[in-house]
Amino acid sequence: MPDFLLVLFLFNLSLFLLHEMDAIRHSEWRLFIFLKDMEDSKAYKVFTFIHLPMYTIILALLFSDYQTVTFWVLDLFFIIHAILHLFFEKNPRNGFKNTFSRAFIYSMGIIAAIHLLLMVMK
């Protein structure tokens, strides 16, 4: 059985994957400088395709000798990601203005902070 820290991290990674599914539904590419002016059908494909190498790299690193470093990097990313969503809260292109979407986003930041704290205390 995996230890608690790994399960907590995997739960948070699962929240991230759910958020990315929600991000496609809400056309999150409209918030990115390099995609916002692109035609939606093309931006959707680029945004979606970018996730394939990203997910592959994350999963490969989780099963490598760099697992702890991956925890740190992704935990920090999840915290920064939640903060960025907070700053973009009033952006008219932000489609995450509902409790369902916000639950994924802000839970990731909180859980990542807890995971980092528990790693430091271990």
PDB file of N, CA and C in Angstrom:
ATOM      1  N   MET A   1       0.857  -1.198   0.000  1.00  0.00           N
ATOM      2  CA  MET A   1       0.000   0.000   0.000  1.00  0.00           C
ATOM      3  C   MET A   1       0.885   1.238   0.000  1.00  0.00           C
ATOM      4  N   PRO A   2       0.609   2.187  -0.908  1.00  0.00           N
ATOM      5  CA  PRO A   2       1.398   3.422  -0.945  1.00  0.00           C
ATOM      6  C   PRO A   2       1.236   4.208   0.360  1.00  0.00           C
ATOM      7  N   ASP A   3       2.244   4.986   0.701  1.00  0.00           N
ATOM      8  CA  ASP A   3       2.152   5.772   1.927  1.00  0.00           C
ATOM      9  C   ASP A   3       1.195   6.953   1.748  1.00  0.00           C
ATOM     10  N   PHE A   4       0.824   7.544   2.858  1.00  0.00           N
ATOM     11  CA  PHE A   4      -0.172   8.612   2.879  1.00  0.00           C
ATOM     12  C   PHE A   4       0.225   9.792   1.991  1.00  0.00           C
ATOM     13  N   LEU A   5       1.505  10.196   2.019  1.00  0.00           N
ATOM     14  CA  LEU A   5       1.946  11.334   1.216  1.00  0.00           C
ATOM     15  C   LEU A   5       1.758  11.078  -0.276  1.00  0.00           C
ATOM     16  N   LEU A   6       2.037   9.869  -0.708  1.00  0.00           N
ATOM     17  CA  LEU A   6       1.849   9.533  -2.120  1.00  0.00           C
ATOM     18  C   LEU A   6       0.371   9.562  -2.481  1.00  0.00           C
ATOM     19  N   VAL A   7      -0.464   8.992  -1.644  1.00  0.00           N
ATOM     20  CA  VAL A   7      -1.904   8.981  -1.911  1.00  0.00           C
ATOM     21  C   VAL A   7      -2.455  10.410  -1.932  1.00  0.00           C
ATOM     22  N   LEU A   8      -2.010  11.240  -0.998  1.00  0.00           N
ATOM     23  CA  LEU A   8      -2.449  12.640  -0.971  1.00  0.00           C
ATOM     24  C   LEU A   8      -2.037  13.351  -2.259  1.00  0.00           C
ATOM     25  N   PHE A   9      -0.801  13.120  -2.683  1.00  0.00           N
ATOM     26  CA  PHE A   9      -0.333  13.734  -3.922  1.00  0.00           C
ATOM     27  C   PHE A   9      -1.153  13.236  -5.116  1.00  0.00           C
ATOM     28  N   LEU A  10      -1.384  11.937  -5.192  1.00  0.00           N
ATOM     29  CA  LEU A  10      -2.142  11.372  -6.310  1.00  0.00           C
ATOM     30  C   LEU A  10      -3.580  11.881  -6.326  1.00  0.00           C
ATOM     31  N   PHE A  11      -4.163  12.080  -5.148  1.00  0.00           N
ATOM     32  CA  PHE A  11      -5.494  12.670  -5.065  1.00  0.00           C
ATOM     33  C   PHE A  11      -5.465  14.080  -5.657  1.00  0.00           C
ATOM     34  N   ASN A  12      -4.429  14.838  -5.310  1.00  0.00           N
ATOM     35  CA  ASN A  12      -4.319  16.204  -5.815  1.00  0.00           C
ATOM     36  C   ASN A  12      -4.054  16.211  -7.320  1.00  0.00           C
ATOM     37  N   LEU A  13      -3.229  15.301  -7.793  1.00  0.00           N
ATOM     38  CA  LEU A  13      -2.989  15.187  -9.225  1.00  0.00           C
ATOM     39  C   LEU A  13      -4.292  14.844  -9.946  1.00  0.00           C
ATOM     40  N   SER A  14      -5.105  14.016  -9.330  1.00  0.00           N
ATOM     41  CA  SER A  14      -6.414  13.674  -9.909  1.00  0.00           C
ATOM     42  C   SER A  14      -7.315  14.903  -9.980  1.00  0.00           C
ATOM     43  N   LEU A  15      -7.265  15.756  -8.951  1.00  0.00           N
ATOM     44  CA  LEU A  15      -8.014  17.021  -9.006  1.00  0.00           C
ATOM     45  C   LEU A  15      -7.528  17.880 -10.171  1.00  0.00           C
ATOM     46  N   PHE A  16      -6.220  17.894 -10.377  1.00  0.00           N
ATOM     47  CA  PHE A  16      -5.649  18.645 -11.502  1.00  0.00           C
ATOM     48  C   PHE A  16      -6.186  18.109 -12.836  1.00  0.00           C
ATOM     49  N   LEU A  17      -6.213  16.795 -12.987  1.00  0.00           N
ATOM     50  CA  LEU A  17      -6.719  16.202 -14.228  1.00  0.00           C
ATOM     51  C   LEU A  17      -8.193  16.540 -14.425  1.00  0.00           C
ATOM     52  N   LEU A  18      -8.967  16.520 -13.339  1.00  0.00           N
ATOM     53  CA  LEU A  18     -10.378  16.924 -13.431  1.00  0.00           C
ATOM     54  C   LEU A  18     -10.495  18.393 -13.828  1.00  0.00           C
ATOM     55  N   HIS A  19      -9.643  19.224 -13.244  1.00  0.00           N
ATOM     56  CA  HIS A  19      -9.654  20.648 -13.594  1.00  0.00           C
ATOM     57  C   HIS A  19      -9.343  20.837 -15.075  1.00  0.00           C
ATOM     58  N   GLU A  20      -8.387  20.085 -15.594  1.00  0.00           N
ATOM     59  CA  GLU A  20      -8.036  20.231 -17.009  1.00  0.00           C
ATOM     60  C   GLU A  20      -9.180  19.777 -17.912  1.00  0.00           C
ATOM     61  N   MET A  21      -9.933  18.774 -17.479  1.00  0.00           N
ATOM     62  CA  MET A  21     -11.132  18.381 -18.230  1.00  0.00           C
ATOM     63  C   MET A  21     -12.149  19.529 -18.211  1.00  0.00           C
ATOM     64  N   ASP A  22     -12.323  20.125 -17.056  1.00  0.00           N
ATOM     65  CA  ASP A  22     -13.222  21.267 -16.894  1.00  0.00           C
ATOM     66  C   ASP A  22     -12.715  22.462 -17.699  1.00  0.00           C
ATOM     67  N   ALA A  23     -11.394  22.590 -17.781  1.00  0.00           N
ATOM     68  CA  ALA A  23     -10.781  23.705 -18.514  1.00  0.00           C
ATOM     69  C   ALA A  23     -11.145  23.647 -20.001  1.00  0.00           C
ATOM     70  N   ILE A  24     -11.221  22.455 -20.543  1.00  0.00           N
ATOM     71  CA  ILE A  24     -11.620  22.323 -21.947  1.00  0.00           C
ATOM     72  C   ILE A  24     -13.075  22.747 -22.105  1.00  0.00           C
ATOM     73  N   ARG A  25     -13.894  22.334 -21.172  1.00  0.00           N
ATOM     74  CA  ARG A  25     -15.317  22.713 -21.216  1.00  0.00           C
ATOM     75  C   ARG A  25     -15.496  24.232 -21.171  1.00  0.00           C
ATOM     76  N   HIS A  26     -14.627  24.897 -20.377  1.00  0.00           N
ATOM     77  CA  HIS A  26     -14.749  26.353 -20.194  1.00  0.00           C
ATOM     78  C   HIS A  26     -13.799  27.153 -21.092  1.00  0.00           C
ATOM     79  N   SER A  27     -13.210  26.494 -22.081  1.00  0.00           N
ATOM     80  CA  SER A  27     -12.332  27.175 -23.054  1.00  0.00           C
ATOM     81  C   SER A  27     -11.239  27.990 -22.370  1.00  0.00           C
ATOM     82  N   GLU A  28     -10.495  27.336 -21.485  1.00  0.00           N
ATOM     83  CA  GLU A  28      -9.460  28.038 -20.718  1.00  0.00           C
ATOM     84  C   GLU A  28      -8.387  28.663 -21.606  1.00  0.00           C
ATOM     85  N   TRP A  29      -8.232  28.169 -22.812  1.00  0.00           N
ATOM     86  CA  TRP A  29      -7.225  28.736 -23.711  1.00  0.00           C
ATOM     87  C   TRP A  29      -7.464  30.214 -23.959  1.00  0.00           C
ATOM     88  N   ARG A  30      -8.669  30.687 -23.744  1.00  0.00           N
ATOM     89  CA  ARG A  30      -8.974  32.112 -23.932  1.00  0.00           C
ATOM     90  C   ARG A  30      -8.265  32.996 -22.902  1.00  0.00           C
ATOM     91  N   LEU A  31      -7.705  32.393 -21.857  1.00  0.00           N
ATOM     92  CA  LEU A  31      -6.965  33.145 -20.837  1.00  0.00           C
ATOM     93  C   LEU A  31      -5.457  33.192 -21.134  1.00  0.00           C
ATOM     94  N   PHE A  32      -4.998  32.403 -22.098  1.00  0.00           N
ATOM     95  CA  PHE A  32      -3.574  32.334 -22.410  1.00  0.00           C
ATOM     96  C   PHE A  32      -3.217  33.299 -23.538  1.00  0.00           C
ATOM     97  N   ILE A  33      -2.170  34.075 -23.329  1.00  0.00           N
ATOM     98  CA  ILE A  33      -1.759  35.093 -24.291  1.00  0.00           C
ATOM     99  C   ILE A  33      -1.563  34.523 -25.687  1.00  0.00           C
ATOM    100  N   PHE A  34      -0.888  33.384 -25.792  1.00  0.00           N
ATOM    101  CA  PHE A  34      -0.566  32.835 -27.108  1.00  0.00           C
ATOM    102  C   PHE A  34      -1.727  32.067 -27.759  1.00  0.00           C
ATOM    103  N   LEU A  35      -2.817  31.855 -27.055  1.00  0.00           N
ATOM    104  CA  LEU A  35      -3.961  31.132 -27.619  1.00  0.00           C
ATOM    105  C   LEU A  35      -5.240  31.961 -27.692  1.00  0.00           C
ATOM    106  N   LYS A  36      -5.322  33.041 -26.936  1.00  0.00           N
ATOM    107  CA  LYS A  36      -6.592  33.765 -26.768  1.00  0.00           C
ATOM    108  C   LYS A  36      -7.158  34.342 -28.061  1.00  0.00           C
ATOM    109  N   ASP A  37      -6.283  34.690 -29.001  1.00  0.00           N
ATOM    110  CA  ASP A  37      -6.773  35.282 -30.250  1.00  0.00           C
ATOM    111  C   ASP A  37      -6.925  34.261 -31.372  1.00  0.00           C
ATOM    112  N   MET A  38      -6.573  33.016 -31.083  1.00  0.00           N
ATOM    113  CA  MET A  38      -6.674  31.955 -32.073  1.00  0.00           C
ATOM    114  C   MET A  38      -8.135  31.520 -32.211  1.00  0.00           C
ATOM    115  N   GLU A  39      -8.512  31.070 -33.379  1.00  0.00           N
ATOM    116  CA  GLU A  39      -9.852  30.537 -33.591  1.00  0.00           C
ATOM    117  C   GLU A  39     -10.089  29.391 -32.599  1.00  0.00           C
ATOM    118  N   ASP A  40     -11.271  29.347 -31.991  1.00  0.00           N
ATOM    119  CA  ASP A  40     -11.562  28.366 -30.944  1.00  0.00           C
ATOM    120  C   ASP A  40     -11.282  26.926 -31.355  1.00  0.00           C
ATOM    121  N   SER A  41     -11.664  26.554 -32.563  1.00  0.00           N
ATOM    122  CA  SER A  41     -11.469  25.159 -32.973  1.00  0.00           C
ATOM    123  C   SER A  41      -9.987  24.795 -33.036  1.00  0.00           C
ATOM    124  N   LYS A  42      -9.154  25.732 -33.442  1.00  0.00           N
ATOM    125  CA  LYS A  42      -7.708  25.491 -33.486  1.00  0.00           C
ATOM    126  C   LYS A  42      -7.100  25.569 -32.083  1.00  0.00           C
ATOM    127  N   ALA A  43      -7.504  26.570 -31.309  1.00  0.00           N
ATOM    128  CA  ALA A  43      -6.975  26.742 -29.951  1.00  0.00           C
ATOM    129  C   ALA A  43      -7.317  25.529 -29.088  1.00  0.00           C
ATOM    130  N   TYR A  44      -8.513  24.990 -29.258  1.00  0.00           N
ATOM    131  CA  TYR A  44      -8.918  23.784 -28.525  1.00  0.00           C
ATOM    132  C   TYR A  44      -7.957  22.635 -28.814  1.00  0.00           C
ATOM    133  N   LYS A  45      -7.624  22.455 -30.086  1.00  0.00           N
ATOM    134  CA  LYS A  45      -6.727  21.359 -30.471  1.00  0.00           C
ATOM    135  C   LYS A  45      -5.332  21.568 -29.907  1.00  0.00           C
ATOM    136  N   VAL A  46      -4.817  22.782 -29.991  1.00  0.00           N
ATOM    137  CA  VAL A  46      -3.479  23.075 -29.464  1.00  0.00           C
ATOM    138  C   VAL A  46      -3.472  22.893 -27.948  1.00  0.00           C
ATOM    139  N   PHE A  47      -4.442  23.470 -27.271  1.00  0.00           N
ATOM    140  CA  PHE A  47      -4.540  23.370 -25.811  1.00  0.00           C
ATOM    141  C   PHE A  47      -4.620  21.908 -25.373  1.00  0.00           C
ATOM    142  N   THR A  48      -5.448  21.139 -26.050  1.00  0.00           N
ATOM    143  CA  THR A  48      -5.618  19.726 -25.708  1.00  0.00           C
ATOM    144  C   THR A  48      -4.339  18.944 -25.993  1.00  0.00           C
ATOM    145  N   PHE A  49      -3.743  19.155 -27.143  1.00  0.00           N
ATOM    146  CA  PHE A  49      -2.543  18.404 -27.518  1.00  0.00           C
ATOM    147  C   PHE A  49      -1.370  18.688 -26.579  1.00  0.00           C
ATOM    148  N   ILE A  50      -1.247  19.922 -26.114  1.00  0.00           N
ATOM    149  CA  ILE A  50      -0.163  20.293 -25.186  1.00  0.00           C
ATOM    150  C   ILE A  50      -0.196  19.397 -23.940  1.00  0.00           C
ATOM    151  N   HIS A  51      -1.360  18.924 -23.570  1.00  0.00           N
ATOM    152  CA  HIS A  51      -1.487  18.101 -22.362  1.00  0.00           C
ATOM    153  C   HIS A  51      -0.887  16.708 -22.519  1.00  0.00           C
ATOM    154  N   LEU A  52      -0.790  16.211 -23.733  1.00  0.00           N
ATOM    155  CA  LEU A  52      -0.218  14.870 -23.922  1.00  0.00           C
ATOM    156  C   LEU A  52       1.236  14.804 -23.456  1.00  0.00           C
ATOM    157  N   PRO A  53       2.132  15.655 -23.951  1.00  0.00           N
ATOM    158  CA  PRO A  53       3.508  15.591 -23.433  1.00  0.00           C
ATOM    159  C   PRO A  53       3.594  15.978 -21.953  1.00  0.00           C
ATOM    160  N   MET A  54       2.755  16.926 -21.535  1.00  0.00           N
ATOM    161  CA  MET A  54       2.782  17.351 -20.133  1.00  0.00           C
ATOM    162  C   MET A  54       2.426  16.176 -19.225  1.00  0.00           C
ATOM    163  N   TYR A  55       1.358  15.466 -19.520  1.00  0.00           N
ATOM    164  CA  TYR A  55       0.958  14.315 -18.702  1.00  0.00           C
ATOM    165  C   TYR A  55       2.001  13.207 -18.759  1.00  0.00           C
ATOM    166  N   THR A  56       2.560  12.978 -19.930  1.00  0.00           N
ATOM    167  CA  THR A  56       3.576  11.932 -20.077  1.00  0.00           C
ATOM    168  C   THR A  56       4.797  12.241 -19.224  1.00  0.00           C
ATOM    169  N   ILE A  57       5.243  13.476 -19.251  1.00  0.00           N
ATOM    170  CA  ILE A  57       6.413  13.881 -18.450  1.00  0.00           C
ATOM    171  C   ILE A  57       6.115  13.749 -16.963  1.00  0.00           C
ATOM    172  N   ILE A  58       4.962  14.225 -16.540  1.00  0.00           N
ATOM    173  CA  ILE A  58       4.589  14.135 -15.117  1.00  0.00           C
ATOM    174  C   ILE A  58       4.568  12.684 -14.663  1.00  0.00           C
ATOM    175  N   LEU A  59       3.914  11.827 -15.421  1.00  0.00           N
ATOM    176  CA  LEU A  59       3.806  10.426 -15.027  1.00  0.00           C
ATOM    177  C   LEU A  59       5.165   9.728 -15.055  1.00  0.00           C
ATOM    178  N   ALA A  60       5.974  10.042 -16.056  1.00  0.00           N
ATOM    179  CA  ALA A  60       7.310   9.437 -16.124  1.00  0.00           C
ATOM    180  C   ALA A  60       8.149   9.854 -14.922  1.00  0.00           C
ATOM    181  N   LEU A  61       8.073  11.119 -14.542  1.00  0.00           N
ATOM    182  CA  LEU A  61       8.855  11.600 -13.396  1.00  0.00           C
ATOM    183  C   LEU A  61       8.354  11.015 -12.076  1.00  0.00           C
ATOM    184  N   LEU A  62       7.064  10.755 -11.993  1.00  0.00           N
ATOM    185  CA  LEU A  62       6.521  10.148 -10.766  1.00  0.00           C
ATOM    186  C   LEU A  62       7.036   8.731 -10.551  1.00  0.00           C
ATOM    187  N   PHE A  63       7.384   8.068 -11.642  1.00  0.00           N
ATOM    188  CA  PHE A  63       7.892   6.695 -11.554  1.00  0.00           C
ATOM    189  C   PHE A  63       9.406   6.648 -11.729  1.00  0.00           C
ATOM    190  N   SER A  64      10.066   7.741 -11.403  1.00  0.00           N
ATOM    191  CA  SER A  64      11.517   7.823 -11.569  1.00  0.00           C
ATOM    192  C   SER A  64      12.193   8.106 -10.225  1.00  0.00           C
ATOM    193  N   ASP A  65      13.489   8.245 -10.280  1.00  0.00           N
ATOM    194  CA  ASP A  65      14.260   8.618  -9.089  1.00  0.00           C
ATOM    195  C   ASP A  65      14.000  10.071  -8.687  1.00  0.00           C
ATOM    196  N   TYR A  66      13.286  10.804  -9.517  1.00  0.00           N
ATOM    197  CA  TYR A  66      13.016  12.216  -9.262  1.00  0.00           C
ATOM    198  C   TYR A  66      11.625  12.445  -8.672  1.00  0.00           C
ATOM    199  N   GLN A  67      11.054  11.429  -8.070  1.00  0.00           N
ATOM    200  CA  GLN A  67       9.697  11.531  -7.538  1.00  0.00           C
ATOM    201  C   GLN A  67       9.558  12.671  -6.528  1.00  0.00           C
ATOM    202  N   THR A  68      10.489  12.778  -5.597  1.00  0.00           N
ATOM    203  CA  THR A  68      10.392  13.826  -4.576  1.00  0.00           C
ATOM    204  C   THR A  68      10.495  15.214  -5.196  1.00  0.00           C
ATOM    205  N   VAL A  69      11.390  15.374  -6.147  1.00  0.00           N
ATOM    206  CA  VAL A  69      11.517  16.659  -6.847  1.00  0.00           C
ATOM    207  C   VAL A  69      10.225  16.969  -7.596  1.00  0.00           C
ATOM    208  N   THR A  70       9.643  15.956  -8.194  1.00  0.00           N
ATOM    209  CA  THR A  70       8.376  16.128  -8.912  1.00  0.00           C
ATOM    210  C   THR A  70       7.271  16.568  -7.961  1.00  0.00           C
ATOM    211  N   PHE A  71       7.232  15.968  -6.764  1.00  0.00           N
ATOM    212  CA  PHE A  71       6.268  16.407  -5.752  1.00  0.00           C
ATOM    213  C   PHE A  71       6.423  17.903  -5.488  1.00  0.00           C
ATOM    214  N   TRP A  72       7.646  18.331  -5.228  1.00  0.00           N
ATOM    215  CA  TRP A  72       7.910  19.740  -4.923  1.00  0.00           C
ATOM    216  C   TRP A  72       7.491  20.657  -6.070  1.00  0.00           C
ATOM    217  N   VAL A  73       7.927  20.319  -7.266  1.00  0.00           N
ATOM    218  CA  VAL A  73       7.632  21.172  -8.430  1.00  0.00           C
ATOM    219  C   VAL A  73       6.132  21.268  -8.667  1.00  0.00           C
ATOM    220  N   LEU A  74       5.448  20.136  -8.643  1.00  0.00           N
ATOM    221  CA  LEU A  74       4.011  20.170  -8.908  1.00  0.00           C
ATOM    222  C   LEU A  74       3.224  20.787  -7.761  1.00  0.00           C
ATOM    223  N   ASP A  75       3.634  20.546  -6.533  1.00  0.00           N
ATOM    224  CA  ASP A  75       2.959  21.209  -5.412  1.00  0.00           C
ATOM    225  C   ASP A  75       3.070  22.727  -5.541  1.00  0.00           C
ATOM    226  N   LEU A  76       4.258  23.209  -5.847  1.00  0.00           N
ATOM    227  CA  LEU A  76       4.438  24.657  -6.031  1.00  0.00           C
ATOM    228  C   LEU A  76       3.616  25.159  -7.216  1.00  0.00           C
ATOM    229  N   PHE A  77       3.596  24.378  -8.292  1.00  0.00           N
ATOM    230  CA  PHE A  77       2.776  24.743  -9.444  1.00  0.00           C
ATOM    231  C   PHE A  77       1.299  24.821  -9.066  1.00  0.00           C
ATOM    232  N   PHE A  78       0.792  23.843  -8.314  1.00  0.00           N
ATOM    233  CA  PHE A  78      -0.626  23.836  -7.931  1.00  0.00           C
ATOM    234  C   PHE A  78      -0.973  25.055  -7.067  1.00  0.00           C
ATOM    235  N   ILE A  79      -0.050  25.456  -6.204  1.00  0.00           N
ATOM    236  CA  ILE A  79      -0.269  26.637  -5.363  1.00  0.00           C
ATOM    237  C   ILE A  79      -0.293  27.895  -6.225  1.00  0.00           C
ATOM    238  N   ILE A  80       0.705  28.047  -7.090  1.00  0.00           N
ATOM    239  CA  ILE A  80       0.769  29.213  -7.988  1.00  0.00           C
ATOM    240  C   ILE A  80      -0.434  29.226  -8.927  1.00  0.00           C
ATOM    241  N   HIS A  81      -0.809  28.070  -9.426  1.00  0.00           N
ATOM    242  CA  HIS A  81      -1.957  27.937 -10.319  1.00  0.00           C
ATOM    243  C   HIS A  81      -3.233  28.450  -9.639  1.00  0.00           C
ATOM    244  N   ALA A  82      -3.443  28.069  -8.381  1.00  0.00           N
ATOM    245  CA  ALA A  82      -4.630  28.530  -7.643  1.00  0.00           C
ATOM    246  C   ALA A  82      -4.597  30.044  -7.461  1.00  0.00           C
ATOM    247  N   ILE A  83      -3.414  30.581  -7.162  1.00  0.00           N
ATOM    248  CA  ILE A  83      -3.271  32.029  -6.989  1.00  0.00           C
ATOM    249  C   ILE A  83      -3.558  32.763  -8.300  1.00  0.00           C
ATOM    250  N   LEU A  84      -3.047  32.231  -9.407  1.00  0.00           N
ATOM    251  CA  LEU A  84      -3.312  32.850 -10.710  1.00  0.00           C
ATOM    252  C   LEU A  84      -4.807  32.842 -11.028  1.00  0.00           C
ATOM    253  N   HIS A  85      -5.468  31.750 -10.722  1.00  0.00           N
ATOM    254  CA  HIS A  85      -6.917  31.707 -10.959  1.00  0.00           C
ATOM    255  C   HIS A  85      -7.633  32.746 -10.093  1.00  0.00           C
ATOM    256  N   LEU A  86      -7.138  32.964  -8.896  1.00  0.00           N
ATOM    257  CA  LEU A  86      -7.714  33.985  -8.035  1.00  0.00           C
ATOM    258  C   LEU A  86      -7.562  35.374  -8.669  1.00  0.00           C
ATOM    259  N   PHE A  87      -6.384  35.657  -9.227  1.00  0.00           N
ATOM    260  CA  PHE A  87      -6.146  36.941  -9.887  1.00  0.00           C
ATOM    261  C   PHE A  87      -6.992  37.109 -11.153  1.00  0.00           C
ATOM    262  N   PHE A  88      -7.308  36.005 -11.831  1.00  0.00           N
ATOM    263  CA  PHE A  88      -8.099  36.060 -13.063  1.00  0.00           C
ATOM    264  C   PHE A  88      -9.601  35.935 -12.802  1.00  0.00           C
ATOM    265  N   GLU A  89      -9.979  35.957 -11.555  1.00  0.00           N
ATOM    266  CA  GLU A  89     -11.378  35.778 -11.160  1.00  0.00           C
ATOM    267  C   GLU A  89     -12.306  36.757 -11.883  1.00  0.00           C
ATOM    268  N   LYS A  90     -11.890  37.980 -12.083  1.00  0.00           N
ATOM    269  CA  LYS A  90     -12.753  39.007 -12.691  1.00  0.00           C
ATOM    270  C   LYS A  90     -12.592  39.104 -14.209  1.00  0.00           C
ATOM    271  N   ASN A  91     -11.682  38.338 -14.783  1.00  0.00           N
ATOM    272  CA  ASN A  91     -11.466  38.367 -16.223  1.00  0.00           C
ATOM    273  C   ASN A  91     -12.733  37.885 -16.931  1.00  0.00           C
ATOM    274  N   PRO A  92     -13.224  38.658 -17.904  1.00  0.00           N
ATOM    275  CA  PRO A  92     -14.469  38.265 -18.589  1.00  0.00           C
ATOM    276  C   PRO A  92     -14.341  36.934 -19.366  1.00  0.00           C
ATOM    277  N   ARG A  93     -13.117  36.530 -19.689  1.00  0.00           N
ATOM    278  CA  ARG A  93     -12.910  35.261 -20.402  1.00  0.00           C
ATOM    279  C   ARG A  93     -12.819  34.067 -19.457  1.00  0.00           C
ATOM    280  N   ASN A  94     -12.857  34.332 -18.170  1.00  0.00           N
ATOM    281  CA  ASN A  94     -12.754  33.266 -17.175  1.00  0.00           C
ATOM    282  C   ASN A  94     -14.101  32.539 -17.061  1.00  0.00           C
ATOM    283  N   GLY A  95     -14.103  31.256 -17.400  1.00  0.00           N
ATOM    284  CA  GLY A  95     -15.335  30.477 -17.339  1.00  0.00           C
ATOM    285  C   GLY A  95     -15.477  29.666 -16.059  1.00  0.00           C
ATOM    286  N   PHE A  96     -14.551  29.869 -15.116  1.00  0.00           N
ATOM    287  CA  PHE A  96     -14.542  29.076 -13.887  1.00  0.00           C
ATOM    288  C   PHE A  96     -15.233  29.791 -12.730  1.00  0.00           C
ATOM    289  N   LYS A  97     -16.320  30.472 -13.014  1.00  0.00           N
ATOM    290  CA  LYS A  97     -16.994  31.266 -11.993  1.00  0.00           C
ATOM    291  C   LYS A  97     -18.145  30.495 -11.360  1.00  0.00           C
ATOM    292  N   ASN A  98     -17.900  29.246 -11.054  1.00  0.00           N
ATOM    293  CA  ASN A  98     -18.923  28.425 -10.420  1.00  0.00           C
ATOM    294  C   ASN A  98     -18.256  27.587  -9.329  1.00  0.00           C
ATOM    295  N   THR A  99     -19.042  27.144  -8.377  1.00  0.00           N
ATOM    296  CA  THR A  99     -18.532  26.397  -7.228  1.00  0.00           C
ATOM    297  C   THR A  99     -17.856  25.095  -7.654  1.00  0.00           C
ATOM    298  N   PHE A 100     -18.415  24.421  -8.630  1.00  0.00           N
ATOM    299  CA  PHE A 100     -17.861  23.150  -9.104  1.00  0.00           C
ATOM    300  C   PHE A 100     -16.422  23.338  -9.573  1.00  0.00           C
ATOM    301  N   SER A 101     -16.183  24.293 -10.448  1.00  0.00           N
ATOM    302  CA  SER A 101     -14.839  24.549 -10.982  1.00  0.00           C
ATOM    303  C   SER A 101     -13.899  25.066  -9.902  1.00  0.00           C
ATOM    304  N   ARG A 102     -14.381  25.993  -9.111  1.00  0.00           N
ATOM    305  CA  ARG A 102     -13.542  26.569  -8.053  1.00  0.00           C
ATOM    306  C   ARG A 102     -13.129  25.524  -7.025  1.00  0.00           C
ATOM    307  N   ALA A 103     -13.979  24.542  -6.780  1.00  0.00           N
ATOM    308  CA  ALA A 103     -13.650  23.493  -5.804  1.00  0.00           C
ATOM    309  C   ALA A 103     -12.396  22.741  -6.220  1.00  0.00           C
ATOM    310  N   PHE A 104     -12.257  22.436  -7.506  1.00  0.00           N
ATOM    311  CA  PHE A 104     -11.049  21.762  -7.995  1.00  0.00           C
ATOM    312  C   PHE A 104      -9.834  22.669  -7.849  1.00  0.00           C
ATOM    313  N   ILE A 105      -9.975  23.892  -8.328  1.00  0.00           N
ATOM    314  CA  ILE A 105      -8.843  24.820  -8.407  1.00  0.00           C
ATOM    315  C   ILE A 105      -8.279  25.140  -7.028  1.00  0.00           C
ATOM    316  N   TYR A 106      -9.127  25.591  -6.129  1.00  0.00           N
ATOM    317  CA  TYR A 106      -8.626  26.055  -4.836  1.00  0.00           C
ATOM    318  C   TYR A 106      -8.281  24.895  -3.895  1.00  0.00           C
ATOM    319  N   SER A 107      -8.975  23.769  -4.053  1.00  0.00           N
ATOM    320  CA  SER A 107      -8.594  22.583  -3.274  1.00  0.00           C
ATOM    321  C   SER A 107      -7.180  22.134  -3.634  1.00  0.00           C
ATOM    322  N   MET A 108      -6.837  22.210  -4.919  1.00  0.00           N
ATOM    323  CA  MET A 108      -5.484  21.826  -5.345  1.00  0.00           C
ATOM    324  C   MET A 108      -4.424  22.655  -4.630  1.00  0.00           C
ATOM    325  N   GLY A 109      -4.639  23.946  -4.543  1.00  0.00           N
ATOM    326  CA  GLY A 109      -3.671  24.819  -3.887  1.00  0.00           C
ATOM    327  C   GLY A 109      -3.542  24.508  -2.403  1.00  0.00           C
ATOM    328  N   ILE A 110      -4.663  24.293  -1.750  1.00  0.00           N
ATOM    329  CA  ILE A 110      -4.655  23.995  -0.311  1.00  0.00           C
ATOM    330  C   ILE A 110      -4.011  22.641  -0.044  1.00  0.00           C
ATOM    331  N   ILE A 111      -4.401  21.637  -0.809  1.00  0.00           N
ATOM    332  CA  ILE A 111      -3.841  20.298  -0.613  1.00  0.00           C
ATOM    333  C   ILE A 111      -2.347  20.282  -0.926  1.00  0.00           C
ATOM    334  N   ALA A 112      -1.931  21.019  -1.936  1.00  0.00           N
ATOM    335  CA  ALA A 112      -0.501  21.094  -2.265  1.00  0.00           C
ATOM    336  C   ALA A 112       0.287  21.710  -1.112  1.00  0.00           C
ATOM    337  N   ALA A 113      -0.256  22.754  -0.498  1.00  0.00           N
ATOM    338  CA  ALA A 113       0.415  23.380   0.651  1.00  0.00           C
ATOM    339  C   ALA A 113       0.512  22.388   1.815  1.00  0.00           C
ATOM    340  N   ILE A 114      -0.547  21.648   2.056  1.00  0.00           N
ATOM    341  CA  ILE A 114      -0.532  20.642   3.122  1.00  0.00           C
ATOM    342  C   ILE A 114       0.497  19.551   2.790  1.00  0.00           C
ATOM    343  N   HIS A 115       0.513  19.110   1.548  1.00  0.00           N
ATOM    344  CA  HIS A 115       1.455  18.067   1.128  1.00  0.00           C
ATOM    345  C   HIS A 115       2.893  18.537   1.312  1.00  0.00           C
ATOM    346  N   LEU A 116       3.176  19.772   0.908  1.00  0.00           N
ATOM    347  CA  LEU A 116       4.538  20.324   1.102  1.00  0.00           C
ATOM    348  C   LEU A 116       4.897  20.364   2.582  1.00  0.00           C
ATOM    349  N   LEU A 117       3.981  20.841   3.380  1.00  0.00           N
ATOM    350  CA  LEU A 117       4.226  20.940   4.837  1.00  0.00           C
ATOM    351  C   LEU A 117       4.500  19.556   5.424  1.00  0.00           C
ATOM    352  N   LEU A 118       3.716  18.567   5.033  1.00  0.00           N
ATOM    353  CA  LEU A 118       3.918  17.219   5.551  1.00  0.00           C
ATOM    354  C   LEU A 118       5.239  16.622   5.066  1.00  0.00           C
ATOM    355  N   MET A 119       5.648  16.964   3.842  1.00  0.00           N
ATOM    356  CA  MET A 119       6.948  16.461   3.350  1.00  0.00           C
ATOM    357  C   MET A 119       8.101  17.049   4.153  1.00  0.00           C
ATOM    358  N   VAL A 120       7.973  18.328   4.486  1.00  0.00           N
ATOM    359  CA  VAL A 120       9.020  19.007   5.268  1.00  0.00           C
ATOM    360  C   VAL A 120       9.084  18.424   6.679  1.00  0.00           C
ATOM    361  N   MET A 121       7.917  18.131   7.244  1.00  0.00           N
ATOM    362  CA  MET A 121       7.862  17.615   8.621  1.00  0.00           C
ATOM    363  C   MET A 121       8.286  16.150   8.715  1.00  0.00           C
ATOM    364  N   LYS A 122       8.285  15.447   7.606  1.00  0.00           N
ATOM    365  CA  LYS A 122       8.575  14.005   7.612  1.00  0.00           C
ATOM    366  C   LYS A 122      10.036  13.731   7.919  1.00  0.00           C
TER     367      LYS A 122
END
